[in-house]
Amino acid sequence: MGIGKKGLSHVKSSALKGKPHGYNYFQEAFRVNEFYLKIDGKESPGIHKVSGLSLGEWGTEERFDGGSNIKFKVCNGIVSFPPLVLERYMGAHPAEDKRFNEWFQEVFKLKGTGESVKSTRKNGIIYKQEEGKTVLLFLFYGAWISSIKYSDLDASTAGFFTQTITLEHLGLEEKILRS
């Protein structure tokens, strides 16, 4: 039900007691734009899409109750974290093009050498903003690039050339700053 022409006249005065003038009675849900990303303390411009935001998933197993056909689910104790997928435009930020490429090359060179991938793991923060103020943070830990893919080259379109980066990580933490 919207406020409409009546304003808040239909709300009991006891509900408004102690509320400052101009109190925000309705908070809009967060929009999906207006965010930025930092990896190892360096801002990553040009990222226009982040997907895979998940705080983790518990593995489950289906088990039958002994002697019956009743099936139930139990937690197997295994937690997994889906990868983060970043999409960015190529060429708009040459230093970022180079930085992601070098990071991927570090990980790629280590495969099969017996060395640890730990040296190439990085932490990062996704800042969600509303009207220029940070309202939500996603912190990810121990991330490394598992894949980099590029958009198709197509002479019949005028689209932008994009890079899709898949980041595996050891966990994601959410912090809500807007109350």
N, C-alpha and C. Protein backbone atom coordinates (compact mmCIF):
# COMPACT_ATOMS: atom_id res chain seq x y z
N MET A 1 0.85 -1.17 0.00
CA MET A 1 0.00 0.00 0.00
C MET A 1 0.89 1.23 0.00
N GLY A 2 0.73 2.11 -0.94
CA GLY A 2 1.53 3.32 -1.02
C GLY A 2 1.03 4.40 -0.07
N ILE A 3 1.82 5.41 0.15
CA ILE A 3 1.46 6.50 1.06
C ILE A 3 0.38 7.37 0.41
N GLY A 4 0.50 7.66 -0.87
CA GLY A 4 -0.52 8.41 -1.61
C GLY A 4 -0.75 9.81 -1.08
N LYS A 5 -1.96 10.33 -1.37
CA LYS A 5 -2.30 11.72 -1.02
C LYS A 5 -2.46 11.92 0.48
N LYS A 6 -2.84 10.88 1.19
CA LYS A 6 -3.07 11.01 2.63
C LYS A 6 -1.78 11.29 3.40
N GLY A 7 -0.66 10.99 2.79
CA GLY A 7 0.60 11.12 3.51
C GLY A 7 0.65 10.07 4.60
N LEU A 8 1.08 10.46 5.79
CA LEU A 8 1.15 9.53 6.91
C LEU A 8 0.04 9.79 7.92
N SER A 9 -1.02 10.45 7.50
CA SER A 9 -2.09 10.79 8.43
C SER A 9 -2.81 9.56 8.96
N HIS A 10 -2.73 8.44 8.21
CA HIS A 10 -3.39 7.22 8.65
C HIS A 10 -2.56 6.43 9.66
N VAL A 11 -1.29 6.83 9.86
CA VAL A 11 -0.42 6.13 10.81
C VAL A 11 -0.66 6.70 12.19
N LYS A 12 -0.80 5.81 13.16
CA LYS A 12 -1.05 6.26 14.53
C LYS A 12 0.13 7.10 15.02
N SER A 13 -0.19 8.12 15.78
CA SER A 13 0.87 9.01 16.26
C SER A 13 1.84 8.28 17.17
N SER A 14 1.40 7.22 17.85
CA SER A 14 2.30 6.47 18.72
C SER A 14 3.40 5.79 17.92
N ALA A 15 3.11 5.43 16.65
CA ALA A 15 4.11 4.79 15.80
C ALA A 15 5.19 5.78 15.38
N LEU A 16 4.87 7.08 15.38
CA LEU A 16 5.81 8.10 14.95
C LEU A 16 6.55 8.75 16.10
N LYS A 17 6.16 8.45 17.34
CA LYS A 17 6.79 9.07 18.51
C LYS A 17 8.28 8.80 18.53
N GLY A 18 9.06 9.79 18.76
CA GLY A 18 10.50 9.65 18.87
C GLY A 18 11.22 9.60 17.53
N LYS A 19 10.49 9.65 16.43
CA LYS A 19 11.11 9.62 15.11
C LYS A 19 11.42 11.05 14.69
N PRO A 20 12.61 11.30 14.18
CA PRO A 20 12.96 12.65 13.75
C PRO A 20 12.14 13.07 12.54
N HIS A 21 11.99 14.39 12.38
CA HIS A 21 11.27 14.92 11.23
C HIS A 21 11.99 14.47 9.97
N GLY A 22 11.25 14.02 8.98
CA GLY A 22 11.86 13.56 7.73
C GLY A 22 12.34 12.12 7.83
N TYR A 23 11.89 11.39 8.84
CA TYR A 23 12.29 10.00 9.02
C TYR A 23 11.93 9.20 7.77
N ASN A 24 12.86 8.37 7.31
CA ASN A 24 12.65 7.57 6.11
C ASN A 24 11.81 6.35 6.45
N TYR A 25 10.52 6.39 6.10
CA TYR A 25 9.61 5.30 6.42
C TYR A 25 9.73 4.15 5.44
N PHE A 26 10.36 4.39 4.32
CA PHE A 26 10.51 3.37 3.29
C PHE A 26 11.93 3.39 2.79
N GLN A 27 12.61 2.24 2.85
CA GLN A 27 13.95 2.16 2.27
C GLN A 27 13.86 1.30 1.02
N GLU A 28 14.35 1.85 -0.05
CA GLU A 28 14.34 1.13 -1.31
C GLU A 28 15.38 0.01 -1.25
N ALA A 29 15.10 -1.08 -1.94
CA ALA A 29 16.06 -2.19 -2.03
C ALA A 29 17.29 -1.72 -2.79
N PHE A 30 18.41 -2.37 -2.54
CA PHE A 30 19.64 -2.02 -3.24
C PHE A 30 19.48 -2.27 -4.74
N ARG A 31 20.05 -1.39 -5.52
CA ARG A 31 20.09 -1.59 -6.97
C ARG A 31 21.39 -2.32 -7.31
N VAL A 32 21.45 -2.90 -8.48
CA VAL A 32 22.61 -3.72 -8.84
C VAL A 32 23.75 -2.93 -9.48
N ASN A 33 23.54 -1.65 -9.74
CA ASN A 33 24.62 -0.85 -10.30
C ASN A 33 25.35 -0.13 -9.16
N GLU A 34 26.27 0.71 -9.48
CA GLU A 34 27.02 1.52 -8.53
C GLU A 34 27.80 0.66 -7.53
N PHE A 35 28.82 -0.02 -8.04
CA PHE A 35 29.70 -0.82 -7.20
C PHE A 35 31.12 -0.67 -7.74
N TYR A 36 32.09 -1.01 -6.92
CA TYR A 36 33.45 -1.10 -7.42
C TYR A 36 34.19 -2.19 -6.67
N LEU A 37 35.32 -2.58 -7.23
CA LEU A 37 36.06 -3.73 -6.76
C LEU A 37 37.50 -3.33 -6.47
N LYS A 38 38.01 -3.84 -5.36
CA LYS A 38 39.44 -3.69 -5.05
C LYS A 38 40.02 -5.07 -4.84
N ILE A 39 41.18 -5.31 -5.45
CA ILE A 39 41.90 -6.56 -5.24
C ILE A 39 43.27 -6.20 -4.72
N ASP A 40 43.62 -6.78 -3.57
CA ASP A 40 44.87 -6.45 -2.89
C ASP A 40 45.07 -4.95 -2.71
N GLY A 41 43.99 -4.26 -2.37
CA GLY A 41 44.04 -2.83 -2.08
C GLY A 41 44.06 -1.93 -3.30
N LYS A 42 44.06 -2.49 -4.51
CA LYS A 42 44.08 -1.68 -5.73
C LYS A 42 42.72 -1.73 -6.39
N GLU A 43 42.18 -0.56 -6.70
CA GLU A 43 40.88 -0.50 -7.37
C GLU A 43 40.98 -1.09 -8.78
N SER A 44 39.95 -1.79 -9.18
CA SER A 44 39.90 -2.42 -10.50
C SER A 44 38.82 -1.76 -11.34
N PRO A 45 39.16 -0.70 -12.07
CA PRO A 45 38.17 -0.02 -12.89
C PRO A 45 37.78 -0.88 -14.09
N GLY A 46 36.64 -0.60 -14.64
CA GLY A 46 36.21 -1.30 -15.84
C GLY A 46 35.40 -2.55 -15.59
N ILE A 47 35.31 -3.00 -14.34
CA ILE A 47 34.49 -4.17 -14.04
C ILE A 47 33.04 -3.71 -14.13
N HIS A 48 32.27 -4.30 -15.02
CA HIS A 48 30.88 -3.86 -15.15
C HIS A 48 29.88 -4.92 -14.69
N LYS A 49 30.38 -6.11 -14.32
CA LYS A 49 29.47 -7.15 -13.84
C LYS A 49 30.22 -8.11 -12.93
N VAL A 50 29.59 -8.45 -11.81
CA VAL A 50 30.11 -9.46 -10.89
C VAL A 50 28.99 -10.46 -10.65
N SER A 51 29.26 -11.73 -10.88
CA SER A 51 28.26 -12.76 -10.58
C SER A 51 28.91 -13.84 -9.72
N GLY A 52 28.06 -14.67 -9.14
CA GLY A 52 28.56 -15.75 -8.28
C GLY A 52 28.67 -15.35 -6.82
N LEU A 53 28.04 -14.23 -6.43
CA LEU A 53 28.09 -13.82 -5.03
C LEU A 53 27.29 -14.83 -4.20
N SER A 54 27.97 -15.58 -3.39
CA SER A 54 27.33 -16.60 -2.55
C SER A 54 28.17 -16.77 -1.30
N LEU A 55 27.51 -16.85 -0.16
CA LEU A 55 28.24 -17.00 1.10
C LEU A 55 28.69 -18.43 1.34
N GLY A 56 28.35 -19.33 0.45
CA GLY A 56 28.78 -20.72 0.56
C GLY A 56 27.59 -21.66 0.49
N GLU A 57 27.88 -22.91 0.27
CA GLU A 57 26.84 -23.93 0.18
C GLU A 57 27.28 -25.15 0.97
N TRP A 58 26.38 -25.66 1.80
CA TRP A 58 26.62 -26.90 2.52
C TRP A 58 26.26 -28.06 1.61
N GLY A 59 27.11 -29.05 1.57
CA GLY A 59 26.81 -30.26 0.81
C GLY A 59 25.76 -31.07 1.56
N THR A 60 24.87 -31.69 0.83
CA THR A 60 23.86 -32.54 1.46
C THR A 60 23.85 -33.91 0.79
N GLU A 61 23.41 -34.89 1.54
CA GLU A 61 23.28 -36.25 1.03
C GLU A 61 21.88 -36.73 1.36
N GLU A 62 21.33 -37.54 0.47
CA GLU A 62 20.03 -38.15 0.74
C GLU A 62 20.27 -39.52 1.34
N ARG A 63 19.57 -39.81 2.41
CA ARG A 63 19.70 -41.11 3.08
C ARG A 63 18.31 -41.68 3.34
N PHE A 64 18.23 -42.99 3.31
CA PHE A 64 16.97 -43.66 3.61
C PHE A 64 16.95 -44.04 5.08
N ASP A 65 15.77 -43.92 5.67
CA ASP A 65 15.56 -44.38 7.04
C ASP A 65 15.55 -45.90 6.99
N GLY A 66 16.29 -46.54 7.87
CA GLY A 66 16.42 -48.00 7.86
C GLY A 66 15.09 -48.73 7.83
N GLY A 67 14.94 -49.64 6.86
CA GLY A 67 13.75 -50.46 6.77
C GLY A 67 12.52 -49.77 6.22
N SER A 68 12.65 -48.54 5.72
CA SER A 68 11.48 -47.86 5.15
C SER A 68 11.88 -47.13 3.88
N ASN A 69 10.88 -46.62 3.21
CA ASN A 69 11.12 -45.86 1.98
C ASN A 69 11.20 -44.36 2.23
N ILE A 70 11.32 -43.97 3.46
CA ILE A 70 11.39 -42.55 3.80
C ILE A 70 12.82 -42.07 3.58
N LYS A 71 12.92 -41.02 2.82
CA LYS A 71 14.22 -40.46 2.48
C LYS A 71 14.35 -39.09 3.15
N PHE A 72 15.51 -38.80 3.71
CA PHE A 72 15.74 -37.49 4.30
C PHE A 72 17.12 -37.00 3.91
N LYS A 73 17.34 -35.70 4.07
CA LYS A 73 18.63 -35.10 3.70
C LYS A 73 19.43 -34.81 4.96
N VAL A 74 20.72 -35.04 4.87
CA VAL A 74 21.62 -34.72 5.97
C VAL A 74 22.79 -33.91 5.41
N CYS A 75 23.36 -33.11 6.27
CA CYS A 75 24.52 -32.31 5.89
C CYS A 75 25.76 -33.20 5.93
N ASN A 76 26.56 -33.15 4.87
CA ASN A 76 27.77 -33.98 4.86
C ASN A 76 28.98 -33.24 5.40
N GLY A 77 28.80 -31.99 5.81
CA GLY A 77 29.90 -31.24 6.41
C GLY A 77 30.85 -30.60 5.42
N ILE A 78 30.57 -30.70 4.14
CA ILE A 78 31.44 -30.11 3.12
C ILE A 78 30.86 -28.77 2.69
N VAL A 79 31.66 -27.72 2.83
CA VAL A 79 31.24 -26.38 2.41
C VAL A 79 31.98 -26.04 1.13
N SER A 80 31.24 -25.52 0.15
CA SER A 80 31.89 -25.10 -1.09
C SER A 80 31.52 -23.64 -1.37
N PHE A 81 32.40 -22.98 -2.08
CA PHE A 81 32.19 -21.58 -2.44
C PHE A 81 32.22 -21.46 -3.96
N PRO A 82 31.08 -21.13 -4.57
CA PRO A 82 31.06 -20.97 -6.03
C PRO A 82 32.02 -19.85 -6.45
N PRO A 83 32.60 -19.95 -7.63
CA PRO A 83 33.54 -18.92 -8.07
C PRO A 83 32.86 -17.59 -8.34
N LEU A 84 33.63 -16.53 -8.19
CA LEU A 84 33.18 -15.20 -8.61
C LEU A 84 33.52 -15.04 -10.08
N VAL A 85 32.62 -14.45 -10.82
CA VAL A 85 32.87 -14.21 -12.24
C VAL A 85 32.81 -12.70 -12.48
N LEU A 86 33.91 -12.16 -12.96
CA LEU A 86 34.01 -10.73 -13.23
C LEU A 86 33.96 -10.51 -14.74
N GLU A 87 33.23 -9.49 -15.15
CA GLU A 87 33.20 -9.15 -16.56
C GLU A 87 33.66 -7.71 -16.69
N ARG A 88 34.59 -7.49 -17.62
CA ARG A 88 35.15 -6.16 -17.79
C ARG A 88 35.39 -5.88 -19.27
N TYR A 89 35.45 -4.57 -19.56
CA TYR A 89 35.71 -4.15 -20.93
C TYR A 89 37.22 -4.10 -21.15
N MET A 90 37.65 -4.59 -22.29
CA MET A 90 39.07 -4.58 -22.64
C MET A 90 39.44 -3.26 -23.31
N GLY A 91 40.65 -2.78 -23.04
CA GLY A 91 41.17 -1.60 -23.70
C GLY A 91 40.87 -0.29 -23.02
N ALA A 92 39.83 -0.24 -22.21
CA ALA A 92 39.47 1.01 -21.54
C ALA A 92 40.46 1.36 -20.43
N HIS A 93 41.06 0.34 -19.84
CA HIS A 93 42.03 0.52 -18.75
C HIS A 93 43.22 -0.41 -19.01
N PRO A 94 44.19 0.02 -19.83
CA PRO A 94 45.31 -0.84 -20.22
C PRO A 94 46.11 -1.40 -19.03
N ALA A 95 46.25 -0.62 -17.97
CA ALA A 95 47.00 -1.11 -16.80
C ALA A 95 46.28 -2.30 -16.17
N GLU A 96 44.94 -2.26 -16.15
CA GLU A 96 44.15 -3.38 -15.61
C GLU A 96 44.23 -4.59 -16.53
N ASP A 97 44.22 -4.36 -17.83
CA ASP A 97 44.38 -5.47 -18.78
C ASP A 97 45.66 -6.23 -18.45
N LYS A 98 46.71 -5.47 -18.25
CA LYS A 98 48.02 -6.07 -17.96
C LYS A 98 48.03 -6.75 -16.59
N ARG A 99 47.44 -6.11 -15.59
CA ARG A 99 47.45 -6.66 -14.23
C ARG A 99 46.75 -8.00 -14.16
N PHE A 100 45.55 -8.13 -14.76
CA PHE A 100 44.84 -9.40 -14.73
C PHE A 100 45.58 -10.46 -15.54
N ASN A 101 46.15 -10.06 -16.66
CA ASN A 101 46.90 -11.00 -17.49
C ASN A 101 48.12 -11.54 -16.73
N GLU A 102 48.86 -10.65 -16.06
CA GLU A 102 50.04 -11.07 -15.30
C GLU A 102 49.66 -11.99 -14.14
N TRP A 103 48.56 -11.68 -13.47
CA TRP A 103 48.09 -12.52 -12.36
C TRP A 103 47.74 -13.92 -12.89
N PHE A 104 47.04 -13.99 -14.00
CA PHE A 104 46.69 -15.29 -14.58
C PHE A 104 47.96 -16.05 -14.97
N GLN A 105 48.93 -15.35 -15.58
CA GLN A 105 50.17 -16.01 -16.00
C GLN A 105 50.93 -16.58 -14.79
N GLU A 106 50.91 -15.86 -13.66
CA GLU A 106 51.56 -16.37 -12.44
C GLU A 106 50.94 -17.70 -12.04
N VAL A 107 49.62 -17.78 -12.02
CA VAL A 107 48.93 -19.01 -11.63
C VAL A 107 49.21 -20.11 -12.65
N PHE A 108 49.13 -19.77 -13.93
CA PHE A 108 49.31 -20.74 -15.00
C PHE A 108 50.71 -21.35 -14.97
N LYS A 109 51.73 -20.55 -14.72
CA LYS A 109 53.11 -21.03 -14.70
C LYS A 109 53.36 -22.00 -13.54
N LEU A 110 52.61 -21.86 -12.45
CA LEU A 110 52.83 -22.71 -11.28
C LEU A 110 52.27 -24.11 -11.46
N LYS A 111 51.30 -24.28 -12.33
CA LYS A 111 50.66 -25.58 -12.48
C LYS A 111 51.67 -26.63 -12.93
N GLY A 112 51.71 -27.72 -12.20
CA GLY A 112 52.59 -28.82 -12.56
C GLY A 112 54.02 -28.66 -12.09
N THR A 113 54.35 -27.58 -11.41
CA THR A 113 55.73 -27.39 -10.96
C THR A 113 55.94 -27.87 -9.53
N GLY A 114 54.85 -28.19 -8.85
CA GLY A 114 54.98 -28.61 -7.46
C GLY A 114 54.98 -27.44 -6.50
N GLU A 115 55.06 -26.22 -7.02
CA GLU A 115 55.00 -25.04 -6.17
C GLU A 115 53.56 -24.78 -5.77
N SER A 116 53.39 -24.01 -4.71
CA SER A 116 52.05 -23.72 -4.22
C SER A 116 51.44 -22.53 -4.94
N VAL A 117 50.12 -22.60 -5.11
CA VAL A 117 49.36 -21.50 -5.70
C VAL A 117 49.18 -20.38 -4.68
N LYS A 118 49.52 -20.64 -3.41
CA LYS A 118 49.29 -19.65 -2.35
C LYS A 118 49.93 -18.31 -2.65
N SER A 119 51.07 -18.30 -3.32
CA SER A 119 51.75 -17.03 -3.59
C SER A 119 50.95 -16.15 -4.55
N THR A 120 50.02 -16.74 -5.29
CA THR A 120 49.24 -15.97 -6.25
C THR A 120 47.84 -15.65 -5.75
N ARG A 121 47.52 -16.02 -4.53
CA ARG A 121 46.19 -15.77 -3.97
C ARG A 121 46.11 -14.34 -3.45
N LYS A 122 44.96 -13.73 -3.70
CA LYS A 122 44.77 -12.34 -3.29
C LYS A 122 43.42 -12.17 -2.63
N ASN A 123 43.32 -11.18 -1.77
CA ASN A 123 42.06 -10.84 -1.12
C ASN A 123 41.45 -9.65 -1.83
N GLY A 124 40.14 -9.50 -1.70
CA GLY A 124 39.49 -8.39 -2.36
C GLY A 124 38.21 -7.98 -1.68
N ILE A 125 37.70 -6.83 -2.11
CA ILE A 125 36.46 -6.29 -1.56
C ILE A 125 35.62 -5.77 -2.71
N ILE A 126 34.34 -6.11 -2.68
CA ILE A 126 33.37 -5.52 -3.60
C ILE A 126 32.56 -4.54 -2.78
N TYR A 127 32.63 -3.27 -3.15
CA TYR A 127 31.92 -2.20 -2.46
C TYR A 127 30.63 -1.91 -3.20
N LYS A 128 29.51 -2.05 -2.54
CA LYS A 128 28.21 -1.69 -3.12
C LYS A 128 27.85 -0.33 -2.59
N GLN A 129 27.55 0.59 -3.48
CA GLN A 129 27.24 1.95 -3.06
C GLN A 129 25.82 2.34 -3.46
N GLU A 130 25.25 3.24 -2.70
CA GLU A 130 23.97 3.88 -3.00
C GLU A 130 24.17 5.36 -2.77
N GLU A 131 23.90 6.15 -3.79
CA GLU A 131 24.05 7.60 -3.73
C GLU A 131 25.44 8.01 -3.24
N GLY A 132 26.46 7.28 -3.68
CA GLY A 132 27.84 7.60 -3.34
C GLY A 132 28.31 7.12 -1.99
N LYS A 133 27.46 6.47 -1.21
CA LYS A 133 27.84 5.97 0.11
C LYS A 133 27.90 4.44 0.08
N THR A 134 28.93 3.89 0.71
CA THR A 134 29.06 2.43 0.78
C THR A 134 28.02 1.88 1.74
N VAL A 135 27.21 0.93 1.26
CA VAL A 135 26.13 0.36 2.06
C VAL A 135 26.30 -1.14 2.28
N LEU A 136 27.16 -1.76 1.50
CA LEU A 136 27.32 -3.21 1.57
C LEU A 136 28.71 -3.58 1.09
N LEU A 137 29.33 -4.52 1.77
CA LEU A 137 30.65 -5.01 1.38
C LEU A 137 30.59 -6.52 1.19
N PHE A 138 31.30 -7.01 0.20
CA PHE A 138 31.56 -8.44 0.06
C PHE A 138 33.07 -8.59 0.09
N LEU A 139 33.59 -9.27 1.08
CA LEU A 139 35.02 -9.50 1.20
C LEU A 139 35.30 -10.94 0.77
N PHE A 140 36.25 -11.12 -0.13
CA PHE A 140 36.62 -12.49 -0.52
C PHE A 140 38.09 -12.71 -0.21
N TYR A 141 38.39 -13.97 0.08
CA TYR A 141 39.72 -14.32 0.60
C TYR A 141 40.38 -15.39 -0.26
N GLY A 142 41.70 -15.29 -0.37
CA GLY A 142 42.49 -16.31 -1.04
C GLY A 142 42.06 -16.59 -2.47
N ALA A 143 41.78 -15.55 -3.24
CA ALA A 143 41.29 -15.72 -4.61
C ALA A 143 42.44 -15.90 -5.59
N TRP A 144 42.17 -16.70 -6.62
CA TRP A 144 43.11 -16.85 -7.73
C TRP A 144 42.30 -17.01 -9.01
N ILE A 145 42.90 -16.64 -10.10
CA ILE A 145 42.22 -16.71 -11.39
C ILE A 145 42.29 -18.14 -11.91
N SER A 146 41.13 -18.73 -12.16
CA SER A 146 41.12 -20.08 -12.72
C SER A 146 40.87 -20.06 -14.23
N SER A 147 40.32 -18.96 -14.73
CA SER A 147 40.09 -18.88 -16.17
C SER A 147 39.88 -17.44 -16.61
N ILE A 148 40.33 -17.16 -17.82
CA ILE A 148 40.05 -15.88 -18.49
C ILE A 148 39.53 -16.22 -19.88
N LYS A 149 38.37 -15.65 -20.21
CA LYS A 149 37.77 -15.86 -21.52
C LYS A 149 37.44 -14.51 -22.13
N TYR A 150 37.33 -14.49 -23.44
CA TYR A 150 37.05 -13.25 -24.15
C TYR A 150 35.77 -13.39 -24.96
N SER A 151 35.14 -12.25 -25.23
CA SER A 151 33.94 -12.26 -26.07
C SER A 151 34.34 -12.62 -27.50
N ASP A 152 33.36 -13.02 -28.26
CA ASP A 152 33.60 -13.34 -29.67
C ASP A 152 33.92 -12.07 -30.44
N LEU A 153 34.76 -12.19 -31.44
CA LEU A 153 35.00 -11.10 -32.37
C LEU A 153 33.97 -11.23 -33.48
N ASP A 154 33.24 -10.17 -33.75
CA ASP A 154 32.15 -10.22 -34.71
C ASP A 154 32.08 -8.91 -35.47
N ALA A 155 32.48 -8.93 -36.72
CA ALA A 155 32.52 -7.71 -37.54
C ALA A 155 31.14 -7.16 -37.85
N SER A 156 30.07 -7.93 -37.61
CA SER A 156 28.74 -7.46 -37.94
C SER A 156 28.05 -6.71 -36.79
N THR A 157 28.74 -6.54 -35.66
CA THR A 157 28.15 -5.82 -34.53
C THR A 157 29.07 -4.68 -34.11
N ALA A 158 28.51 -3.81 -33.27
CA ALA A 158 29.30 -2.68 -32.75
C ALA A 158 29.47 -2.82 -31.24
N GLY A 159 29.40 -4.06 -30.73
CA GLY A 159 29.52 -4.29 -29.29
C GLY A 159 30.94 -4.09 -28.80
N PHE A 160 31.09 -4.12 -27.48
CA PHE A 160 32.40 -3.95 -26.86
C PHE A 160 33.07 -5.30 -26.64
N PHE A 161 34.39 -5.30 -26.71
CA PHE A 161 35.19 -6.50 -26.47
C PHE A 161 35.30 -6.68 -24.95
N THR A 162 34.86 -7.83 -24.45
CA THR A 162 34.86 -8.04 -23.01
C THR A 162 35.76 -9.21 -22.61
N GLN A 163 36.17 -9.15 -21.38
CA GLN A 163 36.98 -10.21 -20.76
C GLN A 163 36.18 -10.75 -19.59
N THR A 164 36.07 -12.07 -19.48
CA THR A 164 35.38 -12.71 -18.37
C THR A 164 36.41 -13.45 -17.55
N ILE A 165 36.51 -13.07 -16.28
CA ILE A 165 37.52 -13.63 -15.38
C ILE A 165 36.83 -14.45 -14.31
N THR A 166 37.24 -15.70 -14.14
CA THR A 166 36.68 -16.56 -13.10
C THR A 166 37.68 -16.61 -11.95
N LEU A 167 37.20 -16.20 -10.77
CA LEU A 167 38.03 -16.21 -9.56
C LEU A 167 37.54 -17.31 -8.62
N GLU A 168 38.39 -18.28 -8.36
CA GLU A 168 38.13 -19.25 -7.30
C GLU A 168 38.57 -18.58 -6.01
N HIS A 169 37.93 -18.91 -4.90
CA HIS A 169 38.29 -18.26 -3.63
C HIS A 169 38.01 -19.19 -2.46
N LEU A 170 38.50 -18.80 -1.30
CA LEU A 170 38.36 -19.61 -0.09
C LEU A 170 37.21 -19.17 0.80
N GLY A 171 36.45 -18.20 0.38
CA GLY A 171 35.31 -17.76 1.17
C GLY A 171 34.93 -16.33 0.89
N LEU A 172 33.67 -16.04 1.18
CA LEU A 172 33.10 -14.72 0.95
C LEU A 172 32.37 -14.31 2.22
N GLU A 173 32.56 -13.08 2.61
CA GLU A 173 31.92 -12.54 3.82
C GLU A 173 31.13 -11.30 3.43
N GLU A 174 29.94 -11.17 3.98
CA GLU A 174 29.07 -10.03 3.67
C GLU A 174 28.99 -9.12 4.90
N LYS A 175 29.08 -7.81 4.66
CA LYS A 175 28.91 -6.83 5.72
C LYS A 175 27.93 -5.77 5.25
N ILE A 176 26.79 -5.68 5.95
CA ILE A 176 25.78 -4.68 5.62
C ILE A 176 26.05 -3.45 6.47
N LEU A 177 26.23 -2.30 5.82
CA LEU A 177 26.57 -1.07 6.54
C LEU A 177 25.38 -0.16 6.69
N ARG A 178 24.35 -0.32 5.86
CA ARG A 178 23.16 0.52 5.96
C ARG A 178 22.22 -0.12 6.98
N SER A 179 21.74 0.69 7.91
CA SER A 179 20.82 0.13 8.92
C SER A 179 19.40 0.53 8.63
